[in-house]
Protein backbone atom coordinates (compact mmCIF):
# COMPACT_ATOMS: atom_id res chain seq x y z
CA MET A 1 7.50 51.02 85.69
CA ALA A 2 6.04 54.02 83.93
CA PHE A 3 9.42 54.71 82.38
CA LEU A 4 9.87 51.18 81.04
CA PRO A 5 8.01 51.76 77.72
CA ILE A 6 10.10 54.89 77.09
CA VAL A 7 13.27 52.94 77.76
CA ILE A 8 12.15 50.23 75.35
CA ILE A 9 11.31 52.80 72.68
CA LEU A 10 14.65 54.56 73.09
CA SER A 11 16.51 51.26 73.00
CA THR A 12 14.67 50.23 69.81
CA LEU A 13 15.43 53.60 68.24
CA THR A 14 19.10 53.30 69.14
CA VAL A 15 19.32 49.85 67.60
CA SER A 16 17.49 51.07 64.47
CA LEU A 17 19.87 53.99 64.06
CA ALA A 18 22.86 51.70 64.56
CA ILE A 19 21.54 49.34 61.87
CA GLN A 20 20.98 52.26 59.49
CA ALA A 21 24.50 53.56 60.12
CA TYR A 22 25.92 50.10 59.47
CA GLN A 23 23.94 49.75 56.26
CA THR A 24 25.08 53.18 55.08
CA THR A 25 28.70 52.34 55.82
CA THR A 26 28.38 48.99 54.07
CA ARG A 27 26.79 50.61 51.02
CA GLN A 28 29.48 53.28 50.81
CA GLU A 29 32.17 50.62 51.04
CA GLY A 30 30.47 48.54 48.34
CA ILE A 31 30.25 51.54 46.01
CA LYS A 32 33.91 52.35 46.68
CA GLN A 33 34.97 48.79 45.82
CA ALA A 34 32.94 48.85 42.60
CA GLN A 35 34.53 52.18 41.65
CA LEU A 36 38.01 50.80 42.34
CA ALA A 37 37.22 47.72 40.24
CA ALA A 38 36.11 49.94 37.34
CA ALA A 39 39.35 51.93 37.60
CA SER A 40 41.30 48.65 37.71
CA ALA A 41 39.53 47.60 34.51
CA MET A 42 40.74 50.76 32.78
CA GLU A 43 44.32 50.21 33.94
CA PHE A 44 44.21 46.54 32.91
CA ALA A 45 42.95 47.50 29.45
CA LYS A 46 45.73 50.05 28.98
CA GLU A 47 48.36 47.45 29.83
CA GLN A 48 46.83 44.84 27.54
CA TYR A 49 46.49 47.24 24.61
CA GLU A 50 50.08 48.41 24.95
CA ASN A 51 51.18 44.79 24.53
CA ASP A 52 48.70 43.73 21.85
CA VAL A 53 47.22 45.98 19.16
CA ASN A 54 44.42 43.44 18.64
CA TYR A 55 43.20 43.70 22.25
CA MET A 56 39.62 44.97 22.48
CA SER A 57 37.84 43.69 25.60
CA THR A 58 37.93 41.48 28.68
CA PRO A 59 34.90 39.49 29.90
CA GLU A 60 33.83 39.74 33.51
CA THR A 61 36.75 38.56 35.61
CA THR A 62 37.23 38.17 39.36
CA LEU A 63 39.52 40.82 40.80
CA TYR A 64 39.45 39.58 44.41
CA THR A 65 37.19 37.89 46.98
CA THR A 66 36.54 38.58 50.66
CA ASP A 67 34.46 36.62 53.16
CA GLN A 68 31.45 38.78 52.18
CA TYR A 69 32.00 39.93 48.59
CA GLU A 70 33.36 38.93 45.22
CA VAL A 71 34.66 41.92 43.25
CA ARG A 72 34.79 41.62 39.46
CA PHE A 73 35.74 43.82 36.52
CA GLU A 74 34.91 43.91 32.81
CA VAL A 75 36.29 45.86 29.84
CA VAL A 76 33.85 46.75 27.05
CA HIS A 77 35.05 47.98 23.64
CA LYS A 78 33.00 51.00 22.47
CA GLY A 79 34.69 51.66 19.11
CA PHE A 80 37.84 53.28 17.76
CA SER A 81 38.33 57.01 18.17
CA ASN A 82 40.92 57.78 15.53
CA GLY A 83 41.41 56.94 11.89
CA LEU A 84 44.51 54.83 12.60
CA ASN A 85 42.56 52.47 14.88
CA THR A 86 45.24 52.92 17.52
CA GLN A 87 42.95 54.52 20.09
CA GLN A 88 39.80 52.94 21.50
CA ASP A 89 36.84 54.20 23.48
CA ILE A 90 36.26 51.70 26.26
CA GLN A 91 34.10 51.20 29.31
CA GLY A 92 35.55 49.83 32.52
CA VAL A 93 32.89 48.14 34.65
CA GLY A 94 33.27 47.23 38.31
CA ARG A 95 30.76 44.93 40.03
CA VAL A 96 30.48 43.78 43.63
CA TYR A 97 28.56 40.57 44.38
CA ARG A 98 27.53 39.36 47.80
CA ILE A 99 28.77 35.81 48.28
CA GLY A 100 26.16 33.42 46.87
CA ASP A 101 24.30 36.08 44.82
CA SER A 102 24.13 35.96 41.02
CA GLU A 103 23.25 39.65 40.61
CA PRO A 104 25.64 42.46 41.56
CA ALA A 105 24.88 44.49 44.66
CA PHE A 106 26.90 47.46 43.37
CA THR A 107 28.01 48.49 39.88
CA ARG A 108 30.13 51.39 38.68
CA GLU A 109 31.29 52.31 35.17
CA ILE A 110 34.09 54.49 33.81
CA GLN A 111 34.31 55.67 30.21
CA GLY A 112 37.68 56.50 28.69
CA LYS A 113 40.22 55.95 25.96
CA ILE A 114 43.16 53.60 25.64
CA THR A 115 46.01 54.10 23.21
CA TYR A 116 48.30 51.64 21.48
CA THR A 117 51.61 53.29 22.32
CA SER A 118 53.52 51.43 19.61
CA GLY A 119 51.03 52.55 17.01
CA GLY A 120 50.91 55.59 14.77
CA THR A 121 51.96 58.94 16.18
CA SER A 122 49.23 61.22 17.47
CA SER A 123 48.97 64.74 16.17
CA VAL A 124 47.16 66.35 19.08
CA ARG A 125 45.48 69.77 19.11
CA PHE A 126 45.02 71.57 22.43
CA VAL A 127 42.38 74.32 22.33
CA PHE A 128 42.63 76.71 25.28
CA ILE A 129 39.32 78.55 25.85
CA VAL A 130 39.57 81.71 27.96
CA ASP A 131 36.63 83.47 29.62
CA ASN A 132 36.60 87.26 29.18
CA SER A 133 33.52 88.24 31.17
CA GLY A 134 33.14 91.54 33.00
CA SER A 135 33.70 89.81 36.32
CA MET A 136 37.32 89.20 35.30
CA SER A 137 39.16 92.38 36.31
CA VAL A 138 42.32 93.39 34.49
CA SER A 139 44.52 92.01 37.29
CA GLU A 140 42.51 88.74 37.44
CA TRP A 141 42.72 88.37 33.70
CA LEU A 142 46.50 88.79 33.82
CA GLN A 143 46.72 86.09 36.50
CA SER A 144 44.58 83.83 34.37
CA LYS A 145 46.74 84.50 31.30
CA ASN A 146 49.88 83.60 33.24
CA THR A 147 48.35 80.22 34.12
CA VAL A 148 47.18 79.63 30.54
CA ASP A 149 50.61 80.53 29.15
CA ALA A 150 52.34 78.19 31.61
CA ALA A 151 50.01 75.38 30.53
CA ILE A 152 50.63 76.11 26.84
CA THR A 153 54.38 76.09 27.38
CA TYR A 154 54.18 72.79 29.24
CA VAL A 155 52.18 71.11 26.45
CA VAL A 156 54.47 72.30 23.65
CA ASP A 157 57.60 71.33 25.60
CA GLU A 158 56.29 67.87 26.50
CA VAL A 159 54.62 66.78 23.25
CA PRO A 160 56.60 67.22 20.02
CA THR A 161 53.49 66.66 17.87
CA ALA A 162 51.20 69.02 19.79
CA GLU A 163 49.81 72.26 18.40
CA VAL A 164 47.98 74.79 20.57
CA ALA A 165 45.33 77.44 19.94
CA VAL A 166 43.71 80.12 22.10
CA ILE A 167 40.06 81.13 21.88
CA GLN A 168 38.54 83.99 23.88
CA TYR A 169 34.80 84.38 24.25
CA GLY A 170 32.32 86.97 25.43
CA THR A 171 28.75 88.22 24.97
CA ASN A 172 27.70 91.79 24.25
CA THR A 173 25.80 93.22 27.22
CA TYR A 174 23.37 95.22 25.10
CA ASN A 175 22.43 93.09 22.08
CA GLN A 176 23.30 89.62 23.49
CA GLU A 177 25.53 88.78 20.53
CA HIS A 178 27.56 85.73 21.52
CA LYS A 179 31.11 86.02 20.24
CA TYR A 180 34.38 84.14 20.00
CA ASP A 181 37.85 85.18 18.92
CA VAL A 182 40.45 82.77 17.57
CA THR A 183 43.27 84.80 19.10
CA VAL A 184 45.97 82.22 18.39
CA PRO A 185 45.41 79.74 15.52
CA PHE A 186 47.14 76.38 15.89
CA THR A 187 50.89 76.74 16.36
CA ARG A 188 53.91 75.11 17.99
CA ASP A 189 55.77 78.35 18.47
CA ILE A 190 55.70 79.20 22.19
CA THR A 191 56.35 82.90 21.63
CA THR A 192 53.42 83.15 19.23
CA ALA A 193 51.20 81.03 21.47
CA THR A 194 51.82 83.16 24.56
CA SER A 195 51.93 86.64 22.98
CA TRP A 196 48.22 87.42 22.97
CA ASP A 197 46.10 90.23 24.33
CA ARG A 198 42.63 90.44 25.78
CA ARG A 199 39.81 90.60 23.24
CA TYR A 200 36.71 91.17 25.41
CA GLY A 201 35.82 92.53 28.83
CA PRO A 202 37.51 95.25 30.93
CA GLY A 203 40.73 96.61 29.53
CA SER A 204 39.94 95.61 25.94
CA SER A 205 38.66 97.55 22.96
CA ALA A 206 35.44 95.51 23.11
CA SER A 207 34.58 96.60 26.63
CA ALA A 208 30.83 96.16 26.11
CA ASP A 209 31.31 92.40 25.72
CA LEU A 210 31.04 91.75 29.45
CA GLN A 211 28.94 88.57 29.61
CA ASP A 212 29.87 84.93 29.12
CA HIS A 213 27.58 82.30 27.64
CA LEU A 214 30.01 79.67 26.39
CA PRO A 215 27.41 77.24 24.95
CA ALA A 216 26.13 80.04 22.69
CA SER A 217 29.66 80.95 21.58
CA LEU A 218 30.34 77.28 20.82
CA ALA A 219 27.07 77.17 18.85
CA ARG A 220 28.30 80.07 16.73
CA MET A 221 31.63 78.31 16.13
CA ARG A 222 29.73 75.20 15.12
CA ALA A 223 27.46 77.14 12.74
CA GLU A 224 30.42 78.91 11.16
CA SER A 225 32.38 75.65 10.61
CA VAL A 226 35.43 77.07 12.31
CA TYR A 227 37.25 73.70 12.26
CA GLY A 228 36.91 73.04 8.51
CA PRO A 229 39.85 72.90 6.08
CA GLY A 230 41.26 76.37 5.54
CA ASN A 231 39.21 77.88 8.38
CA GLN A 232 40.45 79.49 11.58
CA LEU A 233 40.91 76.26 13.55
CA ASP A 234 41.73 73.91 10.68
CA LEU A 235 41.96 70.38 12.14
CA SER A 236 43.46 68.74 9.06
CA GLY A 237 45.89 66.03 10.15
CA ALA A 238 44.75 65.99 13.78
CA THR A 239 44.23 62.66 15.54
CA ASP A 240 43.23 63.98 18.97
CA VAL A 241 41.49 67.15 20.23
CA GLN A 242 41.76 68.37 23.83
CA TYR A 243 39.85 71.42 25.12
CA VAL A 244 41.14 73.22 28.21
CA LEU A 245 38.60 75.71 29.60
CA PHE A 246 39.46 78.55 32.01
CA THR A 247 36.37 80.30 33.37
CA ASP A 248 34.71 82.19 36.21
CA ALA A 249 31.20 81.86 34.72
CA ARG A 250 28.28 80.68 36.83
CA GLY A 251 27.08 77.20 36.07
CA ALA A 252 23.65 78.38 34.97
CA ALA A 253 21.58 81.54 35.36
CA ASN A 254 17.98 82.18 34.35
CA SER A 255 17.35 85.59 35.84
CA GLY A 256 19.03 88.94 36.23
CA GLY A 257 21.66 90.10 33.75
CA CYS A 258 22.24 88.32 30.49
CA CYS A 259 24.05 85.16 29.82
CA SER A 260 26.65 84.39 32.45
CA SER A 261 26.38 80.63 32.20
CA LEU A 262 28.16 77.42 31.24
CA LYS A 263 24.94 75.50 30.61
CA LYS A 264 21.98 76.60 28.48
CA LEU A 265 18.72 76.19 30.35
CA PHE A 266 15.48 75.50 28.50
CA ASN A 267 13.81 78.35 30.40
CA GLU A 268 16.40 81.02 29.72
CA PRO A 269 14.96 84.38 28.65
CA SER A 270 14.42 84.22 24.90
CA SER A 271 16.32 87.51 24.49
CA TRP A 272 19.53 85.70 25.45
CA ASN A 273 19.46 83.62 22.27
CA THR A 274 17.65 85.81 19.76
CA GLY A 275 18.42 89.16 18.18
CA ALA A 276 22.05 89.39 17.15
CA SER A 277 22.56 85.66 17.84
CA ALA A 278 19.38 84.33 16.22
CA ALA A 279 21.42 82.72 13.43
CA TYR A 280 23.25 80.51 15.92
CA PRO A 281 20.65 78.48 17.87
CA THR A 282 22.18 76.95 20.97
CA LEU A 283 21.65 73.35 22.08
CA ASP A 284 20.16 72.87 25.55
CA ASN A 285 21.94 71.83 28.72
CA HIS A 286 25.49 70.51 28.10
CA ASP A 287 24.90 69.41 24.50
CA GLU A 288 27.18 71.95 22.81
CA TYR A 289 30.04 70.23 24.67
CA ASN A 290 28.62 66.78 23.99
CA GLU A 291 28.53 67.46 20.25
CA LEU A 292 32.26 68.11 20.39
CA LYS A 293 32.96 65.12 22.61
CA ASN A 294 31.12 62.68 20.37
CA GLY A 295 32.65 64.14 17.20
CA ASN A 296 29.47 65.33 15.46
CA VAL A 297 30.82 68.87 15.04
CA PHE A 298 34.06 67.59 13.52
CA ALA A 299 32.24 65.13 11.26
CA ASP A 300 30.17 67.99 9.87
CA ASP A 301 33.42 69.83 9.09
CA GLY A 302 34.93 66.83 7.31
CA TYR A 303 36.66 64.85 10.09
CA PRO A 304 34.54 61.76 10.84
CA ASP A 305 37.18 60.08 13.05
CA LEU A 306 37.78 62.90 15.54
CA THR A 307 36.32 63.19 19.04
CA ALA A 308 37.24 65.54 21.89
CA GLN A 309 37.84 65.65 25.63
CA PHE A 310 37.49 68.52 28.08
CA THR A 311 39.50 69.72 31.06
CA VAL A 312 37.85 72.52 33.05
CA LEU A 313 39.38 74.99 35.50
CA SER A 314 36.87 77.21 37.31
CA ILE A 315 37.41 79.96 39.87
CA ASN A 316 33.68 80.18 40.65
CA SER A 317 32.56 78.00 43.56
CA ASP A 318 29.02 79.39 43.89
CA GLY A 319 25.93 77.18 44.02
CA THR A 320 25.78 74.46 41.36
CA THR A 321 28.72 75.84 39.37
CA PRO A 322 31.26 73.14 40.39
CA ALA A 323 28.82 70.32 39.60
CA ILE A 324 27.98 71.79 36.17
CA SER A 325 31.67 72.43 35.43
CA ALA A 326 32.48 68.83 36.37
CA ALA A 327 29.76 67.56 34.02
CA ILE A 328 31.51 69.32 31.13
CA ALA A 329 34.89 67.80 32.04
CA SER A 330 35.97 64.34 30.89
CA PRO A 331 36.63 61.41 33.22
CA GLY A 332 40.06 61.47 34.85
CA GLY A 333 41.79 63.94 37.12
CA SER A 334 40.89 64.02 40.80
CA TRP A 335 37.45 65.66 41.19
CA THR A 336 35.17 63.30 43.12
CA GLY A 337 32.54 65.83 44.18
CA VAL A 338 29.01 66.30 42.85
CA VAL A 339 28.55 66.05 39.06
CA ASP A 340 25.54 67.59 37.33
CA PRO A 341 23.41 65.06 35.38
CA ASN A 342 24.39 65.08 31.70
CA THR A 343 22.23 62.50 29.97
CA ASN A 344 23.83 62.80 26.53
CA ASP A 345 27.45 62.78 27.68
CA PRO A 346 29.16 60.20 25.40
CA GLU A 347 31.76 59.64 28.12
CA GLY A 348 29.09 58.71 30.67
CA SER A 349 26.92 60.86 32.93
CA GLY A 350 28.09 61.36 36.51
CA ILE A 351 31.20 59.23 36.31
CA ILE A 352 33.96 60.24 38.72
CA PRO A 353 36.71 61.27 38.99
CA ARG A 354 36.54 64.15 36.49
CA ARG A 355 39.15 66.43 34.95
CA PHE A 356 37.70 69.44 36.77
CA ILE A 357 39.65 71.80 39.01
CA SER A 358 37.89 74.14 41.43
CA THR A 359 40.55 76.65 42.39
CA THR A 360 41.59 80.29 42.75
CA LEU A 361 43.70 82.43 40.45
CA SER A 362 46.34 82.73 43.14
CA ALA A 363 46.89 78.96 43.06
CA GLY A 364 49.02 79.25 39.91
CA PRO A 365 49.48 76.62 37.18
CA ASP A 366 50.48 73.56 39.23
CA GLU A 367 47.02 71.96 39.38
CA ILE A 368 46.28 72.30 35.68
CA ILE A 369 49.74 71.06 34.72
CA LEU A 370 49.18 67.96 36.87
CA VAL A 371 46.04 67.15 34.86
CA LEU A 372 47.78 67.92 31.56
CA ARG A 373 50.55 65.49 32.55
CA GLU A 374 47.91 62.80 33.07
CA ILE A 375 46.42 63.49 29.62
CA ILE A 376 49.82 63.38 27.93
CA GLU A 377 50.87 60.16 29.67
CA GLU A 378 47.62 58.27 29.17
CA GLU A 379 46.01 59.58 25.98
CA ILE A 380 48.71 60.69 23.55
CA ASN A 381 51.27 58.86 21.41
CA PHE A 382 54.45 60.68 20.45
């Protein structure tokens, strides 16, 4: 009899754990169904817009019903994203209701663009950004260049209206000057676009530029109006801007050597963003990317109708780097891992999947070309 209370306690605990496991499984399934409904909303909107240029939204509509749930989707128009009004920013919303409930148990949202494929032709600009930090050895850099060149060739071959550019970036180890180099201005010539040399890091003439603080380099580009008419990355005539980032930078660093980071932290050492780079104040967190995504940088340079999207390929899997890289990337692709919070992301914070690839240099170009194919098929008219 002395063991009876222990047996009762263990039995109660077992039942409690079983209930918790069931609830967790049910919640995960509900979230999955809401995510699928949001994705279905995006696909439905694309189909409707292809057939009707006046299509803008769909009210909440039942997708399917089970004995426990009703799954619904909604399409919300968020504005046009090009001057021709043939591309829209939309939000696909998926909601899961328990039978008999008026409020959703689970909700998921996806931000994206839909394009009227019978509309005006896109004139897309692909900007390939290449990391040249000291951690990229000469052999690694050559592997990276081979992948970049394969991606460039694929884009030019597949999209007759596309132009490509290559930017390299690096930070001086000694004076923390954050630099960028427009190595290839916009072109459609594959030979020109793939015949470029290293500008920073080991094996280059600027061998002291060993660090990589991309937000600060983007801040300098923004301050110097690099996209304006007649400037190095003149976007005149563009209807769509796609950034493709290749990097081995850490997600964020606030100690040790200068500036190897993809995200500017509020508590970074002041020396990282003063001195030689004092004229180019950097926005915190992911906001240098967000200012490109939402079009503010382009509007300041004279293009009020342009916005941008990001695809990110990283060969650094340490710590929070994948999550921060994914937060820079736009929705799409196949990344469904952790995404760093990005409150000001105009495409939605934390939405998955993302156009982020966590890979190795030895993997070659196949993964990035798969994402580029998705972009070309779903985002671009030609």
